Protein backbone atom coordinates (compact mmCIF):
# COMPACT_ATOMS: atom_id res chain seq x y z
CA UNK A 1 0.00 0.00 0.00
CA UNK A 2 1.49 3.26 -1.10
CA UNK A 3 -0.08 6.63 -0.56
CA UNK A 4 0.70 9.80 -2.49
CA UNK A 5 4.03 10.96 -1.11
CA UNK A 6 3.29 14.66 -1.63
CA UNK A 7 -0.04 14.31 0.21
CA UNK A 8 1.64 12.72 3.24
CA UNK A 9 4.44 15.29 3.21
CA UNK A 10 2.00 18.21 3.00
CA UNK A 11 -0.08 16.98 5.95
CA UNK A 12 3.07 16.32 7.97
CA UNK A 13 4.47 19.78 7.18
CA UNK A 14 1.20 21.53 8.10
CA UNK A 15 0.84 19.73 11.43
CA UNK A 16 4.47 20.37 12.34
CA UNK A 17 4.22 24.04 11.29
CA UNK A 18 1.14 24.60 13.44
CA UNK A 19 2.44 22.47 16.32
CA UNK A 20 -0.82 20.53 16.34
CA UNK A 21 -1.51 16.86 16.93
CA UNK A 22 -3.86 14.28 15.46
CA UNK A 23 -5.42 10.95 16.39
CA UNK A 24 -7.51 8.55 14.32
CA UNK A 25 -10.32 6.07 14.96
CA UNK A 26 -11.27 3.69 12.20
CA UNK A 27 -13.85 1.09 11.46
CA UNK A 28 -14.32 0.65 7.71
CA UNK A 29 -10.73 1.64 6.85
CA UNK A 30 -9.47 -0.78 9.51
CA UNK A 31 -6.03 0.70 10.09
CA UNK A 32 -5.30 2.20 6.64
CA UNK A 33 -5.35 5.76 8.00
CA UNK A 34 -3.16 4.73 10.92
CA UNK A 35 -0.71 3.23 8.42
CA UNK A 36 -0.75 6.42 6.33
CA UNK A 37 -0.06 8.66 9.33
CA UNK A 38 2.76 6.40 10.50
CA UNK A 39 4.37 6.79 7.04
CA UNK A 40 4.43 10.59 7.23
CA UNK A 41 7.80 12.31 7.73
CA UNK A 42 8.43 13.07 11.43
CA UNK A 43 5.10 11.46 12.42
CA UNK A 44 6.11 11.23 16.07
CA UNK A 45 5.92 15.03 16.33
CA UNK A 46 2.18 15.18 15.59
CA UNK A 47 0.60 11.72 15.28
CA UNK A 48 -0.57 10.62 18.72
CA UNK A 49 -1.98 7.27 17.62
CA UNK A 50 -5.07 5.50 16.54
CA UNK A 51 -7.64 2.85 17.26
CA UNK A 52 -9.58 0.40 15.15
CA UNK A 53 -13.00 -0.07 16.73
CA UNK A 54 -14.69 -2.50 14.39
CA UNK A 55 -17.63 -3.85 16.36
CA UNK A 56 -20.63 -2.22 18.01
CA UNK A 57 -19.65 -3.25 21.58
CA UNK A 58 -16.20 -1.66 21.17
CA UNK A 59 -17.65 1.55 19.78
CA UNK A 60 -20.06 1.72 22.71
CA UNK A 61 -17.49 0.79 25.37
CA UNK A 62 -14.46 2.72 24.13
CA UNK A 63 -15.99 5.68 22.30
CA UNK A 64 -19.24 6.37 24.16
CA UNK A 65 -21.36 5.67 21.08
CA UNK A 66 -25.03 5.37 22.04
CA UNK A 67 -25.93 1.67 21.96
CA UNK A 68 -29.54 2.09 20.79
CA UNK A 69 -28.52 4.46 18.01
CA UNK A 70 -25.69 2.12 16.97
CA UNK A 71 -28.07 -0.84 16.85
CA UNK A 72 -30.58 1.13 14.77
CA UNK A 73 -28.05 2.07 12.06
CA UNK A 74 -25.54 -0.81 12.31
CA UNK A 75 -22.99 1.74 13.65
CA UNK A 76 -22.95 3.55 10.32
CA UNK A 77 -24.22 7.13 10.33
CA UNK A 78 -23.11 10.72 10.26
CA UNK A 79 -23.71 11.06 14.00
CA UNK A 80 -21.77 7.89 14.85
CA UNK A 81 -18.79 9.17 12.82
CA UNK A 82 -18.97 12.52 14.63
CA UNK A 83 -19.19 10.89 18.06
CA UNK A 84 -16.20 8.70 17.23
CA UNK A 85 -14.13 11.70 16.07
CA UNK A 86 -14.88 13.73 19.19
CA UNK A 87 -14.20 10.82 21.53
CA UNK A 88 -10.87 9.77 20.01
CA UNK A 89 -9.64 13.36 20.25
CA UNK A 90 -10.50 13.31 23.97
CA UNK A 91 -8.86 9.92 24.53
CA UNK A 92 -5.62 10.96 22.85
CA UNK A 93 -5.80 14.64 23.83
CA UNK A 94 -5.21 15.69 20.23
CA UNK A 95 -6.05 18.91 18.39
CA UNK A 96 -7.35 17.06 15.32
CA UNK A 97 -9.07 13.73 14.87
CA UNK A 98 -10.44 11.67 12.02
CA UNK A 99 -13.03 8.90 12.23
CA UNK A 100 -14.39 6.42 9.69
CA UNK A 101 -17.34 4.06 9.70
CA UNK A 102 -19.12 2.30 6.87
CA UNK A 103 -19.05 -0.66 4.54
CA UNK A 104 -16.35 -1.97 2.21
CA UNK A 105 -18.50 -4.90 1.03
CA UNK A 106 -22.16 -4.83 0.01
CA UNK A 107 -24.27 -6.58 2.68
CA UNK A 108 -27.92 -6.63 3.64
CA UNK A 109 -27.42 -4.01 6.39
CA UNK A 110 -26.02 -1.59 3.80
CA UNK A 111 -28.84 -2.27 1.31
CA UNK A 112 -26.06 -3.90 -0.73
CA UNK A 113 -24.29 -0.58 -1.17
CA UNK A 114 -20.70 0.37 -0.36
CA UNK A 115 -20.35 3.66 1.49
CA UNK A 116 -18.64 5.30 4.41
CA UNK A 117 -18.99 8.30 6.66
CA UNK A 118 -15.95 10.15 7.87
CA UNK A 119 -15.63 13.05 10.23
CA UNK A 120 -12.95 15.55 11.22
CA UNK A 121 -12.88 17.20 14.61
CA UNK A 122 -10.72 20.19 15.45
CA UNK A 123 -10.28 21.43 19.02
CA UNK A 124 -13.43 19.70 20.22
CA UNK A 125 -15.71 20.68 17.33
CA UNK A 126 -16.79 18.81 14.22
CA UNK A 127 -15.59 20.74 11.17
CA UNK A 128 -16.46 18.27 8.41
CA UNK A 129 -18.55 15.13 8.01
CA UNK A 130 -19.16 13.51 4.65
CA UNK A 131 -20.63 10.40 3.11
CA UNK A 132 -18.66 8.70 0.37
CA UNK A 133 -20.34 6.10 -1.83
CA UNK A 134 -18.60 3.67 -4.19
CA UNK A 135 -19.77 1.31 -6.89
CA UNK A 136 -21.17 -1.90 -5.29
CA UNK A 137 -18.75 -4.07 -7.27
CA UNK A 138 -15.68 -2.34 -5.79
CA UNK A 139 -13.35 -4.87 -4.16
CA UNK A 140 -13.10 -4.48 -0.36
CA UNK A 141 -9.40 -3.56 -0.20
CA UNK A 142 -9.80 -1.11 -3.09
CA UNK A 143 -12.71 0.50 -1.23
CA UNK A 144 -10.64 0.85 1.94
CA UNK A 145 -7.70 2.34 0.03
CA UNK A 146 -9.95 4.72 -1.91
CA UNK A 147 -11.66 5.89 1.29
CA UNK A 148 -8.26 6.45 2.89
CA UNK A 149 -6.83 8.45 0.00
CA UNK A 150 -10.02 10.51 -0.36
CA UNK A 151 -10.15 11.25 3.38
CA UNK A 152 -6.49 12.29 3.42
CA UNK A 153 -7.17 14.62 0.47
CA UNK A 154 -10.10 16.19 2.30
CA UNK A 155 -7.99 16.52 5.43
CA UNK A 156 -5.26 18.29 3.44
CA UNK A 157 -7.87 20.76 2.23
CA UNK A 158 -9.33 21.38 5.71
CA UNK A 159 -5.97 21.84 7.42
CA UNK A 160 -4.92 24.17 4.59
CA UNK A 161 -8.02 26.32 5.13
CA UNK A 162 -7.41 26.64 8.85
CA UNK A 163 -3.73 27.44 8.53
CA UNK A 164 -4.40 30.25 6.02
CA UNK A 165 -7.11 31.62 8.33
CA UNK A 166 -4.81 31.76 11.38
C-alpha atoms as a PDB file:
ATOM      1  CA  UNK A   1       0.000   0.000   0.000  1.00  0.00           C
ATOM      2  CA  UNK A   2       1.495   3.258  -1.104  1.00  0.00           C
ATOM      3  CA  UNK A   3      -0.075   6.631  -0.562  1.00  0.00           C
ATOM      4  CA  UNK A   4       0.705   9.796  -2.487  1.00  0.00           C
ATOM      5  CA  UNK A   5       4.027  10.957  -1.113  1.00  0.00           C
ATOM      6  CA  UNK A   6       3.293  14.664  -1.627  1.00  0.00           C
ATOM      7  CA  UNK A   7      -0.040  14.312   0.213  1.00  0.00           C
ATOM      8  CA  UNK A   8       1.639  12.718   3.243  1.00  0.00           C
ATOM      9  CA  UNK A   9       4.441  15.289   3.206  1.00  0.00           C
ATOM     10  CA  UNK A  10       1.998  18.208   2.998  1.00  0.00           C
ATOM     11  CA  UNK A  11      -0.080  16.981   5.947  1.00  0.00           C
ATOM     12  CA  UNK A  12       3.069  16.323   7.968  1.00  0.00           C
ATOM     13  CA  UNK A  13       4.468  19.778   7.182  1.00  0.00           C
ATOM     14  CA  UNK A  14       1.201  21.529   8.099  1.00  0.00           C
ATOM     15  CA  UNK A  15       0.842  19.734  11.434  1.00  0.00           C
ATOM     16  CA  UNK A  16       4.474  20.366  12.342  1.00  0.00           C
ATOM     17  CA  UNK A  17       4.222  24.037  11.287  1.00  0.00           C
ATOM     18  CA  UNK A  18       1.141  24.601  13.436  1.00  0.00           C
ATOM     19  CA  UNK A  19       2.436  22.474  16.318  1.00  0.00           C
ATOM     20  CA  UNK A  20      -0.825  20.533  16.337  1.00  0.00           C
ATOM     21  CA  UNK A  21      -1.511  16.860  16.931  1.00  0.00           C
ATOM     22  CA  UNK A  22      -3.857  14.275  15.455  1.00  0.00           C
ATOM     23  CA  UNK A  23      -5.416  10.952  16.387  1.00  0.00           C
ATOM     24  CA  UNK A  24      -7.507   8.554  14.322  1.00  0.00           C
ATOM     25  CA  UNK A  25     -10.316   6.074  14.965  1.00  0.00           C
ATOM     26  CA  UNK A  26     -11.273   3.688  12.203  1.00  0.00           C
ATOM     27  CA  UNK A  27     -13.850   1.091  11.457  1.00  0.00           C
ATOM     28  CA  UNK A  28     -14.322   0.649   7.705  1.00  0.00           C
ATOM     29  CA  UNK A  29     -10.731   1.640   6.849  1.00  0.00           C
ATOM     30  CA  UNK A  30      -9.471  -0.779   9.510  1.00  0.00           C
ATOM     31  CA  UNK A  31      -6.026   0.698  10.087  1.00  0.00           C
ATOM     32  CA  UNK A  32      -5.305   2.195   6.641  1.00  0.00           C
ATOM     33  CA  UNK A  33      -5.354   5.764   7.997  1.00  0.00           C
ATOM     34  CA  UNK A  34      -3.158   4.729  10.916  1.00  0.00           C
ATOM     35  CA  UNK A  35      -0.707   3.232   8.424  1.00  0.00           C
ATOM     36  CA  UNK A  36      -0.752   6.415   6.326  1.00  0.00           C
ATOM     37  CA  UNK A  37      -0.059   8.661   9.334  1.00  0.00           C
ATOM     38  CA  UNK A  38       2.763   6.399  10.497  1.00  0.00           C
ATOM     39  CA  UNK A  39       4.370   6.794   7.040  1.00  0.00           C
ATOM     40  CA  UNK A  40       4.435  10.591   7.230  1.00  0.00           C
ATOM     41  CA  UNK A  41       7.800  12.313   7.730  1.00  0.00           C
ATOM     42  CA  UNK A  42       8.428  13.072  11.429  1.00  0.00           C
ATOM     43  CA  UNK A  43       5.099  11.463  12.418  1.00  0.00           C
ATOM     44  CA  UNK A  44       6.111  11.228  16.069  1.00  0.00           C
ATOM     45  CA  UNK A  45       5.923  15.029  16.326  1.00  0.00           C
ATOM     46  CA  UNK A  46       2.176  15.175  15.587  1.00  0.00           C
ATOM     47  CA  UNK A  47       0.599  11.723  15.278  1.00  0.00           C
ATOM     48  CA  UNK A  48      -0.573  10.616  18.723  1.00  0.00           C
ATOM     49  CA  UNK A  49      -1.977   7.268  17.616  1.00  0.00           C
ATOM     50  CA  UNK A  50      -5.073   5.500  16.539  1.00  0.00           C
ATOM     51  CA  UNK A  51      -7.638   2.849  17.257  1.00  0.00           C
ATOM     52  CA  UNK A  52      -9.576   0.403  15.154  1.00  0.00           C
ATOM     53  CA  UNK A  53     -12.997  -0.069  16.729  1.00  0.00           C
ATOM     54  CA  UNK A  54     -14.691  -2.505  14.386  1.00  0.00           C
ATOM     55  CA  UNK A  55     -17.634  -3.850  16.356  1.00  0.00           C
ATOM     56  CA  UNK A  56     -20.632  -2.222  18.007  1.00  0.00           C
ATOM     57  CA  UNK A  57     -19.646  -3.251  21.576  1.00  0.00           C
ATOM     58  CA  UNK A  58     -16.202  -1.664  21.168  1.00  0.00           C
ATOM     59  CA  UNK A  59     -17.650   1.551  19.780  1.00  0.00           C
ATOM     60  CA  UNK A  60     -20.061   1.717  22.706  1.00  0.00           C
ATOM     61  CA  UNK A  61     -17.493   0.794  25.374  1.00  0.00           C
ATOM     62  CA  UNK A  62     -14.464   2.718  24.132  1.00  0.00           C
ATOM     63  CA  UNK A  63     -15.994   5.679  22.302  1.00  0.00           C
ATOM     64  CA  UNK A  64     -19.245   6.370  24.164  1.00  0.00           C
ATOM     65  CA  UNK A  65     -21.364   5.666  21.084  1.00  0.00           C
ATOM     66  CA  UNK A  66     -25.029   5.366  22.040  1.00  0.00           C
ATOM     67  CA  UNK A  67     -25.928   1.669  21.964  1.00  0.00           C
ATOM     68  CA  UNK A  68     -29.537   2.087  20.789  1.00  0.00           C
ATOM     69  CA  UNK A  69     -28.521   4.461  18.012  1.00  0.00           C
ATOM     70  CA  UNK A  70     -25.693   2.122  16.966  1.00  0.00           C
ATOM     71  CA  UNK A  71     -28.074  -0.839  16.845  1.00  0.00           C
ATOM     72  CA  UNK A  72     -30.584   1.127  14.769  1.00  0.00           C
ATOM     73  CA  UNK A  73     -28.048   2.066  12.064  1.00  0.00           C
ATOM     74  CA  UNK A  74     -25.535  -0.809  12.307  1.00  0.00           C
ATOM     75  CA  UNK A  75     -22.988   1.736  13.646  1.00  0.00           C
ATOM     76  CA  UNK A  76     -22.946   3.554  10.315  1.00  0.00           C
ATOM     77  CA  UNK A  77     -24.216   7.129  10.329  1.00  0.00           C
ATOM     78  CA  UNK A  78     -23.107  10.724  10.263  1.00  0.00           C
ATOM     79  CA  UNK A  79     -23.714  11.057  13.999  1.00  0.00           C
ATOM     80  CA  UNK A  80     -21.769   7.885  14.854  1.00  0.00           C
ATOM     81  CA  UNK A  81     -18.793   9.172  12.821  1.00  0.00           C
ATOM     82  CA  UNK A  82     -18.967  12.521  14.632  1.00  0.00           C
ATOM     83  CA  UNK A  83     -19.193  10.886  18.061  1.00  0.00           C
ATOM     84  CA  UNK A  84     -16.203   8.696  17.231  1.00  0.00           C
ATOM     85  CA  UNK A  85     -14.132  11.702  16.067  1.00  0.00           C
ATOM     86  CA  UNK A  86     -14.880  13.731  19.193  1.00  0.00           C
ATOM     87  CA  UNK A  87     -14.202  10.817  21.530  1.00  0.00           C
ATOM     88  CA  UNK A  88     -10.869   9.766  20.009  1.00  0.00           C
ATOM     89  CA  UNK A  89      -9.638  13.361  20.251  1.00  0.00           C
ATOM     90  CA  UNK A  90     -10.504  13.311  23.973  1.00  0.00           C
ATOM     91  CA  UNK A  91      -8.861   9.921  24.532  1.00  0.00           C
ATOM     92  CA  UNK A  92      -5.619  10.957  22.846  1.00  0.00           C
ATOM     93  CA  UNK A  93      -5.803  14.637  23.832  1.00  0.00           C
ATOM     94  CA  UNK A  94      -5.212  15.691  20.227  1.00  0.00           C
ATOM     95  CA  UNK A  95      -6.053  18.914  18.391  1.00  0.00           C
ATOM     96  CA  UNK A  96      -7.349  17.057  15.323  1.00  0.00           C
ATOM     97  CA  UNK A  97      -9.068  13.733  14.873  1.00  0.00           C
ATOM     98  CA  UNK A  98     -10.444  11.673  12.024  1.00  0.00           C
ATOM     99  CA  UNK A  99     -13.033   8.904  12.230  1.00  0.00           C
ATOM    100  CA  UNK A 100     -14.390   6.420   9.685  1.00  0.00           C
ATOM    101  CA  UNK A 101     -17.340   4.058   9.700  1.00  0.00           C
ATOM    102  CA  UNK A 102     -19.120   2.302   6.871  1.00  0.00           C
ATOM    103  CA  UNK A 103     -19.045  -0.664   4.542  1.00  0.00           C
ATOM    104  CA  UNK A 104     -16.353  -1.973   2.206  1.00  0.00           C
ATOM    105  CA  UNK A 105     -18.497  -4.902   1.025  1.00  0.00           C
ATOM    106  CA  UNK A 106     -22.163  -4.832   0.008  1.00  0.00           C
ATOM    107  CA  UNK A 107     -24.274  -6.575   2.677  1.00  0.00           C
ATOM    108  CA  UNK A 108     -27.924  -6.634   3.639  1.00  0.00           C
ATOM    109  CA  UNK A 109     -27.424  -4.008   6.386  1.00  0.00           C
ATOM    110  CA  UNK A 110     -26.022  -1.585   3.801  1.00  0.00           C
ATOM    111  CA  UNK A 111     -28.836  -2.267   1.314  1.00  0.00           C
ATOM    112  CA  UNK A 112     -26.058  -3.903  -0.726  1.00  0.00           C
ATOM    113  CA  UNK A 113     -24.286  -0.576  -1.167  1.00  0.00           C
ATOM    114  CA  UNK A 114     -20.702   0.370  -0.361  1.00  0.00           C
ATOM    115  CA  UNK A 115     -20.352   3.659   1.494  1.00  0.00           C
ATOM    116  CA  UNK A 116     -18.639   5.302   4.409  1.00  0.00           C
ATOM    117  CA  UNK A 117     -18.995   8.297   6.662  1.00  0.00           C
ATOM    118  CA  UNK A 118     -15.954  10.155   7.871  1.00  0.00           C
ATOM    119  CA  UNK A 119     -15.635  13.050  10.234  1.00  0.00           C
ATOM    120  CA  UNK A 120     -12.949  15.552  11.218  1.00  0.00           C
ATOM    121  CA  UNK A 121     -12.885  17.204  14.611  1.00  0.00           C
ATOM    122  CA  UNK A 122     -10.720  20.192  15.454  1.00  0.00           C
ATOM    123  CA  UNK A 123     -10.277  21.431  19.018  1.00  0.00           C
ATOM    124  CA  UNK A 124     -13.426  19.705  20.218  1.00  0.00           C
ATOM    125  CA  UNK A 125     -15.708  20.683  17.329  1.00  0.00           C
ATOM    126  CA  UNK A 126     -16.789  18.812  14.225  1.00  0.00           C
ATOM    127  CA  UNK A 127     -15.589  20.741  11.174  1.00  0.00           C
ATOM    128  CA  UNK A 128     -16.458  18.272   8.408  1.00  0.00           C
ATOM    129  CA  UNK A 129     -18.548  15.132   8.010  1.00  0.00           C
ATOM    130  CA  UNK A 130     -19.159  13.514   4.647  1.00  0.00           C
ATOM    131  CA  UNK A 131     -20.627  10.404   3.109  1.00  0.00           C
ATOM    132  CA  UNK A 132     -18.661   8.703   0.369  1.00  0.00           C
ATOM    133  CA  UNK A 133     -20.337   6.102  -1.831  1.00  0.00           C
ATOM    134  CA  UNK A 134     -18.595   3.668  -4.188  1.00  0.00           C
ATOM    135  CA  UNK A 135     -19.766   1.306  -6.889  1.00  0.00           C
ATOM    136  CA  UNK A 136     -21.168  -1.899  -5.289  1.00  0.00           C
ATOM    137  CA  UNK A 137     -18.747  -4.075  -7.269  1.00  0.00           C
ATOM    138  CA  UNK A 138     -15.679  -2.340  -5.794  1.00  0.00           C
ATOM    139  CA  UNK A 139     -13.346  -4.865  -4.163  1.00  0.00           C
ATOM    140  CA  UNK A 140     -13.096  -4.478  -0.360  1.00  0.00           C
ATOM    141  CA  UNK A 141      -9.403  -3.561  -0.205  1.00  0.00           C
ATOM    142  CA  UNK A 142      -9.796  -1.107  -3.090  1.00  0.00           C
ATOM    143  CA  UNK A 143     -12.708   0.498  -1.233  1.00  0.00           C
ATOM    144  CA  UNK A 144     -10.636   0.854   1.941  1.00  0.00           C
ATOM    145  CA  UNK A 145      -7.699   2.340   0.031  1.00  0.00           C
ATOM    146  CA  UNK A 146      -9.948   4.718  -1.910  1.00  0.00           C
ATOM    147  CA  UNK A 147     -11.662   5.885   1.287  1.00  0.00           C
ATOM    148  CA  UNK A 148      -8.260   6.446   2.893  1.00  0.00           C
ATOM    149  CA  UNK A 149      -6.828   8.449  -0.001  1.00  0.00           C
ATOM    150  CA  UNK A 150     -10.020  10.509  -0.361  1.00  0.00           C
ATOM    151  CA  UNK A 151     -10.147  11.253   3.382  1.00  0.00           C
ATOM    152  CA  UNK A 152      -6.486  12.294   3.419  1.00  0.00           C
ATOM    153  CA  UNK A 153      -7.165  14.618   0.467  1.00  0.00           C
ATOM    154  CA  UNK A 154     -10.103  16.186   2.303  1.00  0.00           C
ATOM    155  CA  UNK A 155      -7.986  16.519   5.435  1.00  0.00           C
ATOM    156  CA  UNK A 156      -5.261  18.286   3.439  1.00  0.00           C
ATOM    157  CA  UNK A 157      -7.875  20.758   2.235  1.00  0.00           C
ATOM    158  CA  UNK A 158      -9.331  21.377   5.714  1.00  0.00           C
ATOM    159  CA  UNK A 159      -5.967  21.844   7.425  1.00  0.00           C
ATOM    160  CA  UNK A 160      -4.920  24.167   4.592  1.00  0.00           C
ATOM    161  CA  UNK A 161      -8.021  26.323   5.129  1.00  0.00           C
ATOM    162  CA  UNK A 162      -7.414  26.641   8.855  1.00  0.00           C
ATOM    163  CA  UNK A 163      -3.731  27.443   8.526  1.00  0.00           C
ATOM    164  CA  UNK A 164      -4.404  30.248   6.016  1.00  0.00           C
ATOM    165  CA  UNK A 165      -7.112  31.625   8.327  1.00  0.00           C
ATOM    166  CA  UNK A 166      -4.811  31.763  11.378  1.00  0.00           C
END
